[in-house]
Protein backbone atom coordinates (compact mmCIF):
# COMPACT_ATOMS: atom_id res chain seq x y z
CA UNK A 1 0.00 0.00 0.00
CA UNK A 2 1.49 3.33 -1.01
CA UNK A 3 0.84 6.86 0.29
CA UNK A 4 -1.99 7.69 -2.13
CA UNK A 5 -3.79 4.38 -1.59
CA UNK A 6 -3.48 4.79 2.18
CA UNK A 7 -4.85 8.34 2.17
CA UNK A 8 -7.83 7.18 0.10
CA UNK A 9 -8.40 4.14 2.36
CA UNK A 10 -8.35 6.26 5.54
CA UNK A 11 -10.78 8.81 4.05
CA UNK A 12 -13.22 6.11 2.93
CA UNK A 13 -12.98 3.93 6.05
CA UNK A 14 -12.72 6.51 8.83
CA UNK A 15 -14.03 9.70 7.22
CA UNK A 16 -10.77 11.47 8.06
CA UNK A 17 -9.13 13.67 5.45
CA UNK A 18 -5.42 14.39 5.48
CA UNK A 19 -4.32 17.56 7.26
CA UNK A 20 -0.98 19.13 6.43
CA UNK A 21 -0.13 21.21 9.53
CA UNK A 22 3.56 21.95 8.93
CA UNK A 23 4.76 24.37 6.27
CA UNK A 24 8.29 23.07 6.75
CA UNK A 25 7.13 19.49 6.03
CA UNK A 26 4.42 19.86 3.37
CA UNK A 27 4.10 16.11 2.69
CA UNK A 28 3.52 15.17 6.36
CA UNK A 29 -0.16 14.19 6.56
CA UNK A 30 -2.00 13.88 9.90
CA UNK A 31 -5.24 11.94 10.39
CA UNK A 32 -7.47 12.69 13.39
CA UNK A 33 -10.67 11.52 14.99
CA UNK A 34 -13.49 13.95 14.29
CA UNK A 35 -14.81 13.94 17.87
CA UNK A 36 -11.67 14.15 20.02
CA UNK A 37 -9.13 15.48 17.45
CA UNK A 38 -6.57 12.86 18.53
CA UNK A 39 -4.16 11.63 15.89
CA UNK A 40 -4.41 8.01 14.85
CA UNK A 41 -2.01 8.11 11.87
CA UNK A 42 0.72 10.30 10.43
CA UNK A 43 2.23 9.78 6.98
CA UNK A 44 5.71 11.22 6.40
CA UNK A 45 8.57 11.05 3.96
CA UNK A 46 11.86 10.57 5.78
CA UNK A 47 15.37 9.34 5.15
CA UNK A 48 15.78 5.62 5.72
CA UNK A 49 18.68 6.48 8.05
CA UNK A 50 16.14 7.88 10.53
CA UNK A 51 14.86 4.30 10.89
CA UNK A 52 18.35 2.91 11.34
CA UNK A 53 18.64 1.69 7.76
CA UNK A 54 21.92 2.20 5.88
CA UNK A 55 20.46 3.87 2.78
CA UNK A 56 19.96 7.66 2.69
CA UNK A 57 17.02 7.30 0.26
CA UNK A 58 13.73 9.02 1.19
CA UNK A 59 10.82 6.69 1.90
CA UNK A 60 7.18 7.11 2.94
CA UNK A 61 6.29 5.82 6.40
CA UNK A 62 3.18 5.81 8.53
CA UNK A 63 3.31 6.31 12.29
CA UNK A 64 0.46 4.69 14.19
CA UNK A 65 -0.36 4.02 17.81
CA UNK A 66 0.06 0.41 18.89
CA UNK A 67 -0.61 -1.77 21.91
CA UNK A 68 2.67 -1.86 23.87
CA UNK A 69 2.26 -5.62 24.29
CA UNK A 70 2.48 -6.08 20.50
CA UNK A 71 5.29 -3.69 19.69
CA UNK A 72 8.20 -6.03 20.46
CA UNK A 73 6.89 -8.82 18.24
CA UNK A 74 6.01 -6.37 15.44
CA UNK A 75 9.63 -5.17 15.34
CA UNK A 76 10.55 -8.70 14.25
CA UNK A 77 8.56 -8.18 11.04
CA UNK A 78 9.97 -6.64 7.88
CA UNK A 79 9.03 -2.99 7.40
CA UNK A 80 8.05 -2.17 11.00
CA UNK A 81 10.29 0.02 13.16
CA UNK A 82 10.33 2.05 16.37
CA UNK A 83 8.34 5.21 15.70
CA UNK A 84 10.21 8.05 14.10
CA UNK A 85 9.90 11.24 16.19
CA UNK A 86 7.18 9.86 18.50
CA UNK A 87 6.95 7.90 21.74
CA UNK A 88 8.44 4.50 20.91
CA UNK A 89 6.57 2.84 23.79
CA UNK A 90 3.21 3.46 22.10
CA UNK A 91 3.87 4.22 18.42
CA UNK A 92 5.47 2.38 15.51
CA UNK A 93 6.61 3.38 12.01
CA UNK A 94 5.48 1.26 9.06
CA UNK A 95 7.25 1.45 5.70
CA UNK A 96 4.94 2.17 2.79
CA UNK A 97 7.21 0.58 0.21
CA UNK A 98 5.38 -2.72 -0.24
CA UNK A 99 7.37 -4.56 2.43
CA UNK A 100 4.33 -4.73 4.75
CA UNK A 101 1.25 -6.50 3.45
CA UNK A 102 -1.82 -4.36 2.82
CA UNK A 103 -3.95 -6.51 5.16
CA UNK A 104 -1.44 -5.95 7.99
CA UNK A 105 -1.43 -2.19 7.39
CA UNK A 106 -5.24 -2.08 7.51
CA UNK A 107 -5.25 -4.09 10.76
CA UNK A 108 -2.66 -1.78 12.32
CA UNK A 109 -4.66 1.33 11.33
CA UNK A 110 -7.80 -0.22 12.85
CA UNK A 111 -5.87 -0.86 16.05
CA UNK A 112 -4.52 2.69 16.16
CA UNK A 113 -7.97 4.14 15.47
CA UNK A 114 -9.44 2.11 18.37
CA UNK A 115 -6.60 2.98 20.76
CA UNK A 116 -7.03 6.71 20.14
CA UNK A 117 -10.84 6.77 20.10
CA UNK A 118 -12.91 8.77 22.57
CA UNK A 119 -13.55 6.67 25.65
CA UNK A 120 -16.55 7.07 27.94
CA UNK A 121 -15.64 6.37 31.55
CA UNK A 122 -17.91 4.06 33.48
CA UNK A 123 -20.16 5.85 35.92
CA UNK A 124 -19.92 9.19 34.10
CA UNK A 125 -23.24 10.53 32.83
CA UNK A 126 -22.51 12.69 29.77
CA UNK A 127 -26.21 13.63 29.37
CA UNK A 128 -26.32 15.89 32.41
């Protein structure tokens, strides 16, 4: 799944359009929940060296929130790295170069969307 396919998938599935909040990084796209404005995905173009790879080539990546219990095992998979420029305990970076299967990317976005969703606390009456 490449950048364009991913942007289209997120818009269709979650109703979230890409936001481009940084003039200094015009290709960095942020995706938020409509109700709580929390990010659930960020697409960036970065140097592979920022992921610890030897090549200085620029590549598209997606940062997404992840269950900390899964992160260690996900690092064993091709194309998944500690999050670039975000909390590595809760976020991962996924290469968008075809090295991660489309089904896995969709599952990871679903997980991130759920982890960042608005949560109603038990015993709290929001209708008051």
